[in-house]
Amino acid sequence: MRTFCLLVLIGGLVLSGTPAFSHHGTGVSYDASKPVTLKATVTEFRYANPHPQLFFDVTDEKGNVVHWSGEFYPNPAQLIQGGWGRKRSEVALAYGTKITITLAPSRAGTPVGAILTLLNEKGEAIMGVAGGGPGEAPRGGAPIPGGTGGPR
């Protein structure tokens, strides 16, 4: 019985530690020393843990459309601290929204990146992402449409 309890305890400790090892490092996946700025159109936005995801289309000079995705540095808890709850974020990044986005591109060369700056058509920061790094609570940005302005 003692051996069984010890094995269950060890198994529980191993399983509870697994998520800590599974989190990725943005420096490993993305190259912040070579930022890319793109004009794009939002196709989908997912406000989820561990980091919200943005999907968008970029049309090149030849008219070819490339489907991109970007990962936000801030997690939802940090976004909420900065006034960017789910509803406000989803309104600001609705399907068809025109954006200018700067990414740290994927080191693998795929159309994926970590979002460094994200601006709407008026040049206002969306979701408070305006050059902040990992761990920074996002601030500022465009007021919610129909709202009284300022972060919520």
N, C-alpha and C. Protein backbone atom coordinates (compact mmCIF):
# COMPACT_ATOMS: atom_id res chain seq x y z
N MET A 1 0.82 -1.19 0.00
CA MET A 1 0.00 0.00 0.00
C MET A 1 0.87 1.27 0.00
N ARG A 2 1.98 1.23 0.77
CA ARG A 2 2.87 2.39 0.79
C ARG A 2 3.49 2.64 -0.57
N THR A 3 3.86 1.58 -1.24
CA THR A 3 4.46 1.71 -2.56
C THR A 3 3.45 2.33 -3.53
N PHE A 4 2.21 1.87 -3.45
CA PHE A 4 1.17 2.40 -4.32
C PHE A 4 0.97 3.90 -4.06
N CYS A 5 0.87 4.30 -2.79
CA CYS A 5 0.69 5.72 -2.44
C CYS A 5 1.87 6.55 -2.92
N LEU A 6 3.08 6.01 -2.78
CA LEU A 6 4.28 6.72 -3.23
C LEU A 6 4.25 6.90 -4.76
N LEU A 7 3.86 5.87 -5.48
CA LEU A 7 3.78 5.96 -6.94
C LEU A 7 2.71 6.97 -7.38
N VAL A 8 1.57 6.98 -6.69
CA VAL A 8 0.52 7.94 -7.02
C VAL A 8 1.01 9.36 -6.75
N LEU A 9 1.71 9.57 -5.65
CA LEU A 9 2.25 10.89 -5.32
C LEU A 9 3.27 11.34 -6.36
N ILE A 10 4.18 10.47 -6.73
CA ILE A 10 5.19 10.81 -7.75
C ILE A 10 4.52 11.10 -9.08
N GLY A 11 3.55 10.28 -9.46
CA GLY A 11 2.83 10.51 -10.71
C GLY A 11 2.11 11.85 -10.71
N GLY A 12 1.49 12.20 -9.59
CA GLY A 12 0.81 13.49 -9.48
C GLY A 12 1.76 14.66 -9.59
N LEU A 13 2.93 14.54 -8.97
CA LEU A 13 3.92 15.60 -9.06
C LEU A 13 4.44 15.77 -10.49
N VAL A 14 4.68 14.66 -11.15
CA VAL A 14 5.16 14.72 -12.54
C VAL A 14 4.12 15.38 -13.44
N LEU A 15 2.87 14.97 -13.31
CA LEU A 15 1.81 15.54 -14.15
C LEU A 15 1.56 17.01 -13.84
N SER A 16 1.65 17.41 -12.59
CA SER A 16 1.42 18.82 -12.27
C SER A 16 2.55 19.71 -12.73
N GLY A 17 3.74 19.18 -12.91
CA GLY A 17 4.88 19.97 -13.38
C GLY A 17 4.97 20.07 -14.88
N THR A 18 4.26 19.24 -15.60
CA THR A 18 4.32 19.22 -17.07
C THR A 18 3.95 20.55 -17.72
N PRO A 19 2.88 21.24 -17.30
CA PRO A 19 2.55 22.51 -17.94
C PRO A 19 3.67 23.55 -17.86
N ALA A 20 4.44 23.54 -16.81
CA ALA A 20 5.54 24.50 -16.68
C ALA A 20 6.58 24.29 -17.77
N PHE A 21 6.78 23.07 -18.18
CA PHE A 21 7.76 22.78 -19.21
C PHE A 21 7.20 22.98 -20.62
N SER A 22 5.89 23.00 -20.75
CA SER A 22 5.29 23.07 -22.09
C SER A 22 5.21 24.48 -22.64
N HIS A 23 5.32 25.52 -21.80
CA HIS A 23 5.20 26.89 -22.30
C HIS A 23 6.41 27.24 -23.15
N HIS A 24 6.15 27.86 -24.28
CA HIS A 24 7.20 28.20 -25.22
C HIS A 24 7.86 29.52 -24.86
N GLY A 25 9.04 29.72 -25.37
CA GLY A 25 9.72 31.00 -25.22
C GLY A 25 9.60 31.76 -26.53
N THR A 26 9.16 33.02 -26.48
CA THR A 26 8.98 33.77 -27.71
C THR A 26 10.31 34.01 -28.42
N GLY A 27 11.40 34.10 -27.66
CA GLY A 27 12.71 34.31 -28.28
C GLY A 27 13.17 33.13 -29.10
N VAL A 28 12.70 31.96 -28.77
CA VAL A 28 13.07 30.76 -29.50
C VAL A 28 12.29 30.67 -30.82
N SER A 29 11.02 31.02 -30.78
CA SER A 29 10.15 30.88 -31.94
C SER A 29 10.20 32.07 -32.90
N TYR A 30 10.42 33.29 -32.36
CA TYR A 30 10.31 34.50 -33.16
C TYR A 30 11.59 35.32 -33.10
N ASP A 31 11.86 36.07 -34.18
CA ASP A 31 13.07 36.88 -34.27
C ASP A 31 12.72 38.37 -34.18
N ALA A 32 12.80 38.93 -32.96
CA ALA A 32 12.44 40.32 -32.73
C ALA A 32 13.46 41.29 -33.34
N SER A 33 14.62 40.80 -33.74
CA SER A 33 15.63 41.67 -34.34
C SER A 33 15.32 41.99 -35.80
N LYS A 34 14.33 41.31 -36.39
CA LYS A 34 13.95 41.52 -37.79
C LYS A 34 12.45 41.76 -37.91
N PRO A 35 11.93 42.84 -37.29
CA PRO A 35 10.49 43.07 -37.33
C PRO A 35 9.97 43.30 -38.75
N VAL A 36 8.74 42.85 -38.98
CA VAL A 36 8.07 42.98 -40.27
C VAL A 36 6.79 43.78 -40.04
N THR A 37 6.55 44.82 -40.85
CA THR A 37 5.33 45.61 -40.76
C THR A 37 4.47 45.35 -41.98
N LEU A 38 3.20 45.04 -41.75
CA LEU A 38 2.29 44.66 -42.82
C LEU A 38 0.96 45.41 -42.71
N LYS A 39 0.36 45.71 -43.85
CA LYS A 39 -1.02 46.20 -43.92
C LYS A 39 -1.87 44.95 -44.11
N ALA A 40 -2.91 44.80 -43.33
CA ALA A 40 -3.66 43.55 -43.35
C ALA A 40 -5.13 43.76 -43.05
N THR A 41 -5.88 42.67 -43.21
CA THR A 41 -7.31 42.64 -42.89
C THR A 41 -7.56 41.46 -41.94
N VAL A 42 -8.21 41.73 -40.83
CA VAL A 42 -8.50 40.70 -39.83
C VAL A 42 -9.47 39.67 -40.41
N THR A 43 -9.15 38.39 -40.22
CA THR A 43 -10.06 37.32 -40.63
C THR A 43 -10.63 36.57 -39.43
N GLU A 44 -9.89 36.56 -38.31
CA GLU A 44 -10.38 35.88 -37.11
C GLU A 44 -9.55 36.35 -35.91
N PHE A 45 -10.21 36.39 -34.76
CA PHE A 45 -9.53 36.75 -33.52
C PHE A 45 -9.99 35.79 -32.44
N ARG A 46 -9.05 35.23 -31.70
CA ARG A 46 -9.37 34.31 -30.60
C ARG A 46 -8.80 34.87 -29.30
N TYR A 47 -9.68 35.24 -28.40
CA TYR A 47 -9.30 35.77 -27.09
C TYR A 47 -9.24 34.58 -26.14
N ALA A 48 -8.07 33.98 -25.98
CA ALA A 48 -7.95 32.75 -25.19
C ALA A 48 -6.59 32.66 -24.53
N ASN A 49 -6.49 31.80 -23.53
CA ASN A 49 -5.23 31.50 -22.87
C ASN A 49 -4.45 30.50 -23.70
N PRO A 50 -3.12 30.47 -23.68
CA PRO A 50 -2.30 31.35 -22.86
C PRO A 50 -2.08 32.72 -23.50
N HIS A 51 -2.27 32.85 -24.81
CA HIS A 51 -2.12 34.13 -25.49
C HIS A 51 -3.18 34.24 -26.57
N PRO A 52 -3.84 35.41 -26.67
CA PRO A 52 -4.79 35.60 -27.76
C PRO A 52 -4.10 35.46 -29.13
N GLN A 53 -4.86 35.01 -30.12
CA GLN A 53 -4.35 34.79 -31.47
C GLN A 53 -5.13 35.67 -32.45
N LEU A 54 -4.41 36.22 -33.42
CA LEU A 54 -5.01 37.03 -34.46
C LEU A 54 -4.67 36.41 -35.81
N PHE A 55 -5.68 36.25 -36.64
CA PHE A 55 -5.49 35.71 -37.98
C PHE A 55 -5.85 36.82 -38.96
N PHE A 56 -5.03 37.01 -39.97
CA PHE A 56 -5.24 38.12 -40.89
C PHE A 56 -4.66 37.80 -42.26
N ASP A 57 -5.18 38.50 -43.27
CA ASP A 57 -4.72 38.32 -44.64
C ASP A 57 -3.92 39.53 -45.08
N VAL A 58 -2.84 39.25 -45.79
CA VAL A 58 -1.97 40.28 -46.34
C VAL A 58 -1.93 40.07 -47.85
N THR A 59 -2.19 41.14 -48.61
CA THR A 59 -2.13 41.07 -50.07
C THR A 59 -0.82 41.70 -50.51
N ASP A 60 -0.02 40.92 -51.27
CA ASP A 60 1.28 41.45 -51.72
C ASP A 60 1.10 42.30 -52.98
N GLU A 61 2.21 42.85 -53.47
CA GLU A 61 2.16 43.76 -54.63
C GLU A 61 1.65 43.09 -55.91
N LYS A 62 1.69 41.76 -55.97
CA LYS A 62 1.19 41.04 -57.15
C LYS A 62 -0.27 40.62 -57.00
N GLY A 63 -0.87 40.96 -55.86
CA GLY A 63 -2.27 40.61 -55.63
C GLY A 63 -2.48 39.27 -54.96
N ASN A 64 -1.39 38.59 -54.59
CA ASN A 64 -1.50 37.31 -53.90
C ASN A 64 -1.83 37.53 -52.43
N VAL A 65 -2.77 36.73 -51.92
CA VAL A 65 -3.16 36.84 -50.52
C VAL A 65 -2.43 35.77 -49.72
N VAL A 66 -1.79 36.23 -48.63
CA VAL A 66 -1.09 35.31 -47.73
C VAL A 66 -1.81 35.35 -46.39
N HIS A 67 -2.15 34.18 -45.87
CA HIS A 67 -2.84 34.05 -44.59
C HIS A 67 -1.80 34.01 -43.48
N TRP A 68 -1.86 34.96 -42.56
CA TRP A 68 -0.91 35.08 -41.45
C TRP A 68 -1.62 34.82 -40.13
N SER A 69 -0.83 34.55 -39.10
CA SER A 69 -1.35 34.53 -37.74
C SER A 69 -0.33 35.19 -36.82
N GLY A 70 -0.84 35.81 -35.78
CA GLY A 70 0.02 36.49 -34.81
C GLY A 70 -0.41 36.15 -33.40
N GLU A 71 0.59 36.09 -32.54
CA GLU A 71 0.35 35.79 -31.13
C GLU A 71 0.63 37.05 -30.33
N PHE A 72 -0.29 37.38 -29.42
CA PHE A 72 -0.10 38.53 -28.55
C PHE A 72 0.82 38.17 -27.40
N TYR A 73 1.74 39.07 -27.05
CA TYR A 73 2.58 38.86 -25.87
C TYR A 73 1.73 38.84 -24.61
N PRO A 74 0.87 39.86 -24.40
CA PRO A 74 0.09 39.86 -23.17
C PRO A 74 -0.89 38.70 -23.15
N ASN A 75 -1.09 38.14 -21.96
CA ASN A 75 -2.12 37.12 -21.81
C ASN A 75 -3.43 37.82 -21.45
N PRO A 76 -4.56 37.11 -21.45
CA PRO A 76 -5.84 37.76 -21.16
C PRO A 76 -5.87 38.50 -19.82
N ALA A 77 -5.23 37.99 -18.80
CA ALA A 77 -5.24 38.67 -17.50
C ALA A 77 -4.55 40.04 -17.62
N GLN A 78 -3.45 40.11 -18.34
CA GLN A 78 -2.74 41.37 -18.54
C GLN A 78 -3.56 42.32 -19.40
N LEU A 79 -4.25 41.78 -20.40
CA LEU A 79 -5.10 42.61 -21.25
C LEU A 79 -6.24 43.23 -20.43
N ILE A 80 -6.83 42.45 -19.56
CA ILE A 80 -7.91 42.96 -18.72
C ILE A 80 -7.39 44.07 -17.81
N GLN A 81 -6.19 43.90 -17.26
CA GLN A 81 -5.59 44.94 -16.42
C GLN A 81 -5.45 46.25 -17.19
N GLY A 82 -5.19 46.16 -18.48
CA GLY A 82 -5.03 47.34 -19.31
C GLY A 82 -6.32 47.85 -19.90
N GLY A 83 -7.46 47.26 -19.53
CA GLY A 83 -8.74 47.73 -20.01
C GLY A 83 -9.22 47.04 -21.28
N TRP A 84 -8.57 45.95 -21.67
CA TRP A 84 -8.93 45.26 -22.90
C TRP A 84 -9.56 43.90 -22.58
N GLY A 85 -10.80 43.94 -22.08
CA GLY A 85 -11.54 42.71 -21.84
C GLY A 85 -11.94 42.05 -23.15
N ARG A 86 -12.56 40.90 -23.04
CA ARG A 86 -12.94 40.13 -24.23
C ARG A 86 -13.82 40.93 -25.18
N LYS A 87 -14.89 41.57 -24.65
CA LYS A 87 -15.84 42.27 -25.52
C LYS A 87 -15.16 43.41 -26.28
N ARG A 88 -14.43 44.25 -25.57
CA ARG A 88 -13.75 45.39 -26.22
C ARG A 88 -12.76 44.90 -27.27
N SER A 89 -12.02 43.85 -26.95
CA SER A 89 -11.03 43.32 -27.87
C SER A 89 -11.67 42.75 -29.13
N GLU A 90 -12.77 42.00 -28.94
CA GLU A 90 -13.45 41.41 -30.09
C GLU A 90 -14.06 42.47 -30.99
N VAL A 91 -14.56 43.57 -30.41
CA VAL A 91 -15.12 44.67 -31.21
C VAL A 91 -14.00 45.34 -32.01
N ALA A 92 -12.86 45.58 -31.36
CA ALA A 92 -11.73 46.25 -32.02
C ALA A 92 -11.12 45.40 -33.12
N LEU A 93 -11.26 44.08 -33.04
CA LEU A 93 -10.65 43.19 -34.02
C LEU A 93 -11.68 42.33 -34.73
N ALA A 94 -12.79 42.93 -35.09
CA ALA A 94 -13.85 42.22 -35.80
C ALA A 94 -13.38 41.85 -37.21
N TYR A 95 -14.02 40.84 -37.77
CA TYR A 95 -13.73 40.40 -39.14
C TYR A 95 -13.79 41.60 -40.08
N GLY A 96 -12.79 41.73 -40.93
CA GLY A 96 -12.75 42.79 -41.93
C GLY A 96 -12.05 44.06 -41.48
N THR A 97 -11.66 44.14 -40.21
CA THR A 97 -10.97 45.33 -39.71
C THR A 97 -9.62 45.49 -40.41
N LYS A 98 -9.35 46.70 -40.89
CA LYS A 98 -8.06 47.01 -41.53
C LYS A 98 -7.06 47.37 -40.44
N ILE A 99 -5.88 46.77 -40.50
CA ILE A 99 -4.87 46.99 -39.48
C ILE A 99 -3.49 47.19 -40.11
N THR A 100 -2.61 47.79 -39.33
CA THR A 100 -1.18 47.80 -39.64
C THR A 100 -0.54 47.08 -38.47
N ILE A 101 0.19 46.03 -38.77
CA ILE A 101 0.73 45.16 -37.73
C ILE A 101 2.23 44.99 -37.91
N THR A 102 2.95 45.07 -36.81
CA THR A 102 4.39 44.80 -36.82
C THR A 102 4.61 43.55 -35.98
N LEU A 103 5.31 42.60 -36.56
CA LEU A 103 5.53 41.30 -35.93
C LEU A 103 7.02 40.99 -35.82
N ALA A 104 7.33 40.19 -34.81
CA ALA A 104 8.62 39.51 -34.77
C ALA A 104 8.33 38.21 -35.52
N PRO A 105 8.91 38.05 -36.73
CA PRO A 105 8.53 36.90 -37.57
C PRO A 105 9.05 35.57 -37.04
N SER A 106 8.41 34.52 -37.52
CA SER A 106 8.81 33.16 -37.19
C SER A 106 10.23 32.90 -37.68
N ARG A 107 11.05 32.27 -36.86
CA ARG A 107 12.40 31.89 -37.27
C ARG A 107 12.37 30.80 -38.35
N ALA A 108 11.23 30.11 -38.46
CA ALA A 108 11.09 29.04 -39.46
C ALA A 108 10.70 29.58 -40.83
N GLY A 109 10.41 30.89 -40.92
CA GLY A 109 10.06 31.48 -42.21
C GLY A 109 8.60 31.33 -42.59
N THR A 110 7.78 30.86 -41.68
CA THR A 110 6.35 30.71 -41.96
C THR A 110 5.63 32.03 -41.68
N PRO A 111 4.42 32.23 -42.22
CA PRO A 111 3.69 33.49 -42.01
C PRO A 111 3.02 33.55 -40.62
N VAL A 112 3.88 33.54 -39.62
CA VAL A 112 3.46 33.55 -38.22
C VAL A 112 4.39 34.51 -37.48
N GLY A 113 3.87 35.18 -36.44
CA GLY A 113 4.75 36.05 -35.67
C GLY A 113 4.19 36.43 -34.32
N ALA A 114 5.06 37.05 -33.52
CA ALA A 114 4.66 37.61 -32.23
C ALA A 114 4.35 39.09 -32.48
N ILE A 115 3.19 39.54 -32.08
CA ILE A 115 2.74 40.90 -32.36
C ILE A 115 3.50 41.90 -31.49
N LEU A 116 4.14 42.86 -32.16
CA LEU A 116 4.88 43.92 -31.46
C LEU A 116 4.06 45.19 -31.40
N THR A 117 3.47 45.59 -32.53
CA THR A 117 2.55 46.73 -32.55
C THR A 117 1.35 46.37 -33.41
N LEU A 118 0.23 46.96 -33.07
CA LEU A 118 -1.01 46.69 -33.79
C LEU A 118 -1.82 47.98 -33.79
N LEU A 119 -2.03 48.52 -35.00
CA LEU A 119 -2.72 49.80 -35.14
C LEU A 119 -3.94 49.66 -36.02
N ASN A 120 -4.98 50.45 -35.72
CA ASN A 120 -6.16 50.48 -36.58
C ASN A 120 -5.91 51.46 -37.73
N GLU A 121 -6.93 51.69 -38.57
CA GLU A 121 -6.78 52.59 -39.72
C GLU A 121 -6.45 54.02 -39.33
N LYS A 122 -6.82 54.40 -38.11
CA LYS A 122 -6.55 55.77 -37.63
C LYS A 122 -5.17 55.89 -36.99
N GLY A 123 -4.44 54.78 -36.90
CA GLY A 123 -3.11 54.81 -36.28
C GLY A 123 -3.14 54.66 -34.77
N GLU A 124 -4.29 54.25 -34.21
CA GLU A 124 -4.42 54.06 -32.77
C GLU A 124 -4.06 52.62 -32.40
N ALA A 125 -3.41 52.47 -31.24
CA ALA A 125 -3.04 51.13 -30.78
C ALA A 125 -4.29 50.32 -30.47
N ILE A 126 -4.32 49.08 -30.94
CA ILE A 126 -5.42 48.16 -30.66
C ILE A 126 -4.94 47.19 -29.59
N MET A 127 -5.79 46.93 -28.65
CA MET A 127 -5.51 46.06 -27.51
C MET A 127 -4.29 46.53 -26.73
N GLY A 128 -3.99 47.81 -26.82
CA GLY A 128 -2.91 48.36 -26.04
C GLY A 128 -1.53 47.93 -26.49
N VAL A 129 -1.45 47.18 -27.57
CA VAL A 129 -0.15 46.70 -28.03
C VAL A 129 0.49 47.80 -28.85
N ALA A 130 1.50 48.42 -28.28
CA ALA A 130 2.19 49.52 -28.96
C ALA A 130 3.67 49.49 -28.61
N GLY A 131 4.30 48.37 -28.85
CA GLY A 131 5.73 48.26 -28.61
C GLY A 131 6.09 47.71 -27.26
N GLY A 132 5.10 47.33 -26.45
CA GLY A 132 5.39 46.74 -25.15
C GLY A 132 5.92 45.33 -25.31
N GLY A 133 6.60 44.86 -24.32
CA GLY A 133 7.17 43.52 -24.38
C GLY A 133 6.43 42.55 -23.50
N PRO A 134 6.93 41.34 -23.43
CA PRO A 134 6.28 40.32 -22.61
C PRO A 134 6.18 40.79 -21.15
N GLY A 135 5.05 40.51 -20.54
CA GLY A 135 4.87 40.82 -19.14
C GLY A 135 4.38 42.23 -18.86
N GLU A 136 4.30 43.08 -19.88
CA GLU A 136 3.83 44.45 -19.66
C GLU A 136 2.32 44.50 -19.83
N ALA A 137 1.66 45.17 -18.90
CA ALA A 137 0.21 45.35 -19.02
C ALA A 137 -0.04 46.36 -20.12
N PRO A 138 -0.82 46.01 -21.14
CA PRO A 138 -1.09 46.93 -22.24
C PRO A 138 -1.98 48.08 -21.81
N ARG A 139 -1.78 49.24 -22.40
CA ARG A 139 -2.56 50.44 -22.08
C ARG A 139 -2.94 51.15 -23.37
N GLY A 140 -3.87 52.09 -23.25
CA GLY A 140 -4.19 52.98 -24.36
C GLY A 140 -4.98 52.34 -25.46
N GLY A 141 -4.91 52.96 -26.63
CA GLY A 141 -5.61 52.44 -27.78
C GLY A 141 -6.89 53.18 -28.07
N ALA A 142 -7.56 52.72 -29.07
CA ALA A 142 -8.80 53.34 -29.53
C ALA A 142 -9.93 53.07 -28.55
N PRO A 143 -10.83 54.03 -28.38
CA PRO A 143 -12.00 53.79 -27.53
C PRO A 143 -12.92 52.77 -28.18
N ILE A 144 -13.71 52.11 -27.38
CA ILE A 144 -14.65 51.13 -27.92
C ILE A 144 -15.73 51.89 -28.71
N PRO A 145 -16.09 51.42 -29.91
CA PRO A 145 -17.11 52.11 -30.70
C PRO A 145 -18.42 52.24 -29.91
N GLY A 146 -18.97 53.45 -29.92
CA GLY A 146 -20.22 53.69 -29.22
C GLY A 146 -20.04 53.92 -27.73
N GLY A 147 -18.77 53.83 -27.27
CA GLY A 147 -18.50 54.01 -25.83
C GLY A 147 -18.14 55.44 -25.52
N THR A 148 -17.71 55.66 -24.29
CA THR A 148 -17.35 57.00 -23.85
C THR A 148 -15.87 57.28 -24.04
N GLY A 149 -15.14 56.34 -24.58
CA GLY A 149 -13.71 56.54 -24.82
C GLY A 149 -12.88 56.01 -23.69
N GLY A 150 -11.59 55.88 -23.99
CA GLY A 150 -10.64 55.43 -22.98
C GLY A 150 -10.74 53.94 -22.72
N PRO A 151 -9.73 53.38 -22.03
CA PRO A 151 -9.74 51.95 -21.72
C PRO A 151 -10.88 51.58 -20.78
N ARG A 152 -11.35 50.35 -20.93
CA ARG A 152 -12.40 49.82 -20.04
C ARG A 152 -11.90 48.56 -19.42
